Amino acid sequence: MDVDRGQQILDRLDLMMQQINNQLGTIDTRSAARGWNKFARVLNSRQRKPEDLLQPFRALDTNEEIVLFPKTVREMTSLSAETVTDILQLLGESTQGNMTQKRQRLKLFTGVVTLDV
């Protein structure tokens, strides 16, 4: 009986360690994405002309490049409502508000300061 109880405790500890490792992996992924996105924000804030290229951001949960991200400053103004919402979700940002508010949130978050979007 004591052996069974001991095995249950070990199994429970093993499960807890797996959960902790998963959480640490998530934290590492998010931290890497945030670090890259801070760098990209600085680079994007220097882009002044509509044809200037933007540095793409990375999704918070995967640290993968957001393929929907606009390539140029001009493209930032022509994103569909659905795309703006999708990008905000991938960045872990709020999707609340009307389209103007969402575009403004995306613009500020990504460092695009030269055009009204």
C-alpha atoms as a PDB file:
ATOM      1  CA  MET A   1       0.000   0.000   0.000  1.00  0.00           C
ATOM      2  CA  ASP A   2       2.812   2.430   0.841  1.00  0.00           C
ATOM      3  CA  VAL A   3       4.503   1.631  -2.476  1.00  0.00           C
ATOM      4  CA  ASP A   4       1.309   2.525  -4.377  1.00  0.00           C
ATOM      5  CA  ARG A   5       0.994   5.796  -2.471  1.00  0.00           C
ATOM      6  CA  GLY A   6       4.635   6.599  -3.186  1.00  0.00           C
ATOM      7  CA  GLN A   7       4.145   5.932  -6.898  1.00  0.00           C
ATOM      8  CA  GLN A   8       1.072   8.185  -6.927  1.00  0.00           C
ATOM      9  CA  ILE A   9       3.117  10.987  -5.395  1.00  0.00           C
ATOM     10  CA  LEU A  10       5.908  10.490  -7.947  1.00  0.00           C
ATOM     11  CA  ASP A  11       3.397  10.449 -10.802  1.00  0.00           C
ATOM     12  CA  ARG A  12       1.836  13.655  -9.504  1.00  0.00           C
ATOM     13  CA  LEU A  13       5.249  15.331  -9.185  1.00  0.00           C
ATOM     14  CA  ASP A  14       6.146  14.234 -12.709  1.00  0.00           C
ATOM     15  CA  LEU A  15       2.927  15.761 -14.042  1.00  0.00           C
ATOM     16  CA  MET A  16       3.607  18.994 -12.173  1.00  0.00           C
ATOM     17  CA  MET A  17       7.122  19.172 -13.634  1.00  0.00           C
ATOM     18  CA  GLN A  18       5.763  18.685 -17.154  1.00  0.00           C
ATOM     19  CA  GLN A  19       3.272  21.504 -16.589  1.00  0.00           C
ATOM     20  CA  ILE A  20       6.019  23.791 -15.293  1.00  0.00           C
ATOM     21  CA  ASN A  21       8.220  22.982 -18.289  1.00  0.00           C
ATOM     22  CA  ASN A  22       5.331  23.753 -20.661  1.00  0.00           C
ATOM     23  CA  GLN A  23       4.721  27.076 -18.933  1.00  0.00           C
ATOM     24  CA  LEU A  24       8.409  27.966 -19.106  1.00  0.00           C
ATOM     25  CA  GLY A  25       8.417  27.159 -22.821  1.00  0.00           C
ATOM     26  CA  THR A  26       5.456  29.484 -23.325  1.00  0.00           C
ATOM     27  CA  ILE A  27       7.190  32.224 -21.360  1.00  0.00           C
ATOM     28  CA  ASP A  28      10.363  31.810 -23.439  1.00  0.00           C
ATOM     29  CA  THR A  29       8.398  31.954 -26.699  1.00  0.00           C
ATOM     30  CA  ARG A  30       6.480  35.057 -25.658  1.00  0.00           C
ATOM     31  CA  SER A  31       9.610  36.748 -24.368  1.00  0.00           C
ATOM     32  CA  ALA A  32      11.445  36.123 -27.636  1.00  0.00           C
ATOM     33  CA  ALA A  33       8.504  37.482 -29.655  1.00  0.00           C
ATOM     34  CA  ARG A  34       8.256  40.571 -27.454  1.00  0.00           C
ATOM     35  CA  GLY A  35      11.985  41.211 -27.803  1.00  0.00           C
ATOM     36  CA  TRP A  36      11.864  40.954 -31.586  1.00  0.00           C
ATOM     37  CA  ASN A  37       8.736  43.105 -31.772  1.00  0.00           C
ATOM     38  CA  LYS A  38      10.378  45.861 -29.710  1.00  0.00           C
ATOM     39  CA  PHE A  39      13.265  45.868 -32.171  1.00  0.00           C
ATOM     40  CA  ALA A  40      10.888  45.891 -35.165  1.00  0.00           C
ATOM     41  CA  ARG A  41       8.884  48.747 -33.608  1.00  0.00           C
ATOM     42  CA  VAL A  42      12.009  50.914 -33.428  1.00  0.00           C
ATOM     43  CA  LEU A  43      12.921  50.143 -37.036  1.00  0.00           C
ATOM     44  CA  ASN A  44       9.366  50.805 -38.238  1.00  0.00           C
ATOM     45  CA  SER A  45       9.220  54.143 -36.436  1.00  0.00           C
ATOM     46  CA  ARG A  46      11.972  55.403 -38.742  1.00  0.00           C
ATOM     47  CA  GLN A  47      10.049  54.630 -41.918  1.00  0.00           C
ATOM     48  CA  ARG A  48       8.646  57.882 -43.316  1.00  0.00           C
ATOM     49  CA  LYS A  49       7.575  57.339 -46.912  1.00  0.00           C
ATOM     50  CA  PRO A  50       4.584  55.265 -48.032  1.00  0.00           C
ATOM     51  CA  GLU A  51       6.850  52.909 -50.010  1.00  0.00           C
ATOM     52  CA  ASP A  52       9.254  52.336 -47.099  1.00  0.00           C
ATOM     53  CA  LEU A  53       9.454  48.708 -46.034  1.00  0.00           C
ATOM     54  CA  LEU A  54       8.220  47.636 -42.627  1.00  0.00           C
ATOM     55  CA  GLN A  55       9.894  45.094 -40.409  1.00  0.00           C
ATOM     56  CA  PRO A  56       7.344  42.317 -39.815  1.00  0.00           C
ATOM     57  CA  PHE A  57       6.253  41.460 -36.301  1.00  0.00           C
ATOM     58  CA  ARG A  58       6.117  38.014 -34.713  1.00  0.00           C
ATOM     59  CA  ALA A  59       3.098  36.265 -33.223  1.00  0.00           C
ATOM     60  CA  LEU A  60       3.172  36.317 -29.438  1.00  0.00           C
ATOM     61  CA  ASP A  61       2.228  32.656 -28.946  1.00  0.00           C
ATOM     62  CA  THR A  62       4.502  31.119 -31.591  1.00  0.00           C
ATOM     63  CA  ASN A  63       7.303  33.648 -32.197  1.00  0.00           C
ATOM     64  CA  GLU A  64       6.734  33.117 -35.920  1.00  0.00           C
ATOM     65  CA  GLU A  65       6.626  35.952 -38.422  1.00  0.00           C
ATOM     66  CA  ILE A  66       3.089  37.228 -39.024  1.00  0.00           C
ATOM     67  CA  VAL A  67       2.575  36.581 -42.727  1.00  0.00           C
ATOM     68  CA  LEU A  68      -0.382  38.997 -42.846  1.00  0.00           C
ATOM     69  CA  PHE A  69       1.794  41.863 -41.648  1.00  0.00           C
ATOM     70  CA  PRO A  70       1.939  44.747 -44.163  1.00  0.00           C
ATOM     71  CA  LYS A  71       5.106  45.009 -46.227  1.00  0.00           C
ATOM     72  CA  THR A  72       5.103  48.817 -46.528  1.00  0.00           C
ATOM     73  CA  VAL A  73       3.822  51.863 -44.706  1.00  0.00           C
ATOM     74  CA  ARG A  74       1.246  52.302 -47.482  1.00  0.00           C
ATOM     75  CA  GLU A  75      -0.062  48.757 -47.034  1.00  0.00           C
ATOM     76  CA  MET A  76      -0.761  49.539 -43.380  1.00  0.00           C
ATOM     77  CA  THR A  77      -3.527  51.882 -44.553  1.00  0.00           C
ATOM     78  CA  SER A  78      -5.170  49.368 -46.868  1.00  0.00           C
ATOM     79  CA  LEU A  79      -5.448  46.329 -44.593  1.00  0.00           C
ATOM     80  CA  SER A  80      -8.925  44.838 -44.421  1.00  0.00           C
ATOM     81  CA  ALA A  81     -10.851  44.999 -41.166  1.00  0.00           C
ATOM     82  CA  GLU A  82     -10.448  41.245 -40.784  1.00  0.00           C
ATOM     83  CA  THR A  83      -6.679  41.421 -41.286  1.00  0.00           C
ATOM     84  CA  VAL A  84      -6.272  44.227 -38.748  1.00  0.00           C
ATOM     85  CA  THR A  85      -8.226  42.176 -36.205  1.00  0.00           C
ATOM     86  CA  ASP A  86      -6.223  39.036 -36.992  1.00  0.00           C
ATOM     87  CA  ILE A  87      -2.904  40.835 -36.582  1.00  0.00           C
ATOM     88  CA  LEU A  88      -3.978  42.388 -33.283  1.00  0.00           C
ATOM     89  CA  GLN A  89      -4.980  38.941 -32.009  1.00  0.00           C
ATOM     90  CA  LEU A  90      -1.632  37.447 -33.051  1.00  0.00           C
ATOM     91  CA  LEU A  91       0.134  40.256 -31.212  1.00  0.00           C
ATOM     92  CA  GLY A  92      -1.918  39.630 -28.070  1.00  0.00           C
ATOM     93  CA  GLU A  93      -3.483  43.073 -28.308  1.00  0.00           C
ATOM     94  CA  SER A  94      -7.094  44.069 -27.715  1.00  0.00           C
ATOM     95  CA  THR A  95      -9.505  43.766 -30.625  1.00  0.00           C
ATOM     96  CA  GLN A  96     -12.150  45.875 -28.922  1.00  0.00           C
ATOM     97  CA  GLY A  97     -13.486  49.051 -30.487  1.00  0.00           C
ATOM     98  CA  ASN A  98     -14.396  50.223 -33.952  1.00  0.00           C
ATOM     99  CA  MET A  99     -12.206  49.916 -37.017  1.00  0.00           C
ATOM    100  CA  THR A 100     -10.617  53.342 -36.554  1.00  0.00           C
ATOM    101  CA  GLN A 101      -9.618  52.446 -32.999  1.00  0.00           C
ATOM    102  CA  LYS A 102      -8.221  49.078 -34.090  1.00  0.00           C
ATOM    103  CA  ARG A 103      -6.168  50.637 -36.883  1.00  0.00           C
ATOM    104  CA  GLN A 104      -4.845  53.273 -34.489  1.00  0.00           C
ATOM    105  CA  ARG A 105      -3.911  50.556 -31.964  1.00  0.00           C
ATOM    106  CA  LEU A 106      -2.079  48.569 -34.644  1.00  0.00           C
ATOM    107  CA  LYS A 107      -0.294  51.673 -35.885  1.00  0.00           C
ATOM    108  CA  LEU A 108       0.903  52.659 -32.420  1.00  0.00           C
ATOM    109  CA  PHE A 109       1.874  49.133 -31.425  1.00  0.00           C
ATOM    110  CA  THR A 110       3.957  48.579 -34.555  1.00  0.00           C
ATOM    111  CA  GLY A 111       5.672  51.977 -34.561  1.00  0.00           C
ATOM    112  CA  VAL A 112       4.119  53.320 -37.754  1.00  0.00           C
ATOM    113  CA  VAL A 113       3.854  57.017 -37.003  1.00  0.00           C
ATOM    114  CA  THR A 114       3.888  58.684 -40.414  1.00  0.00           C
ATOM    115  CA  LEU A 115       0.412  57.968 -41.765  1.00  0.00           C
ATOM    116  CA  ASP A 116      -3.065  58.146 -40.318  1.00  0.00           C
ATOM    117  CA  VAL A 117      -4.385  54.603 -40.297  1.00  0.00           C
END
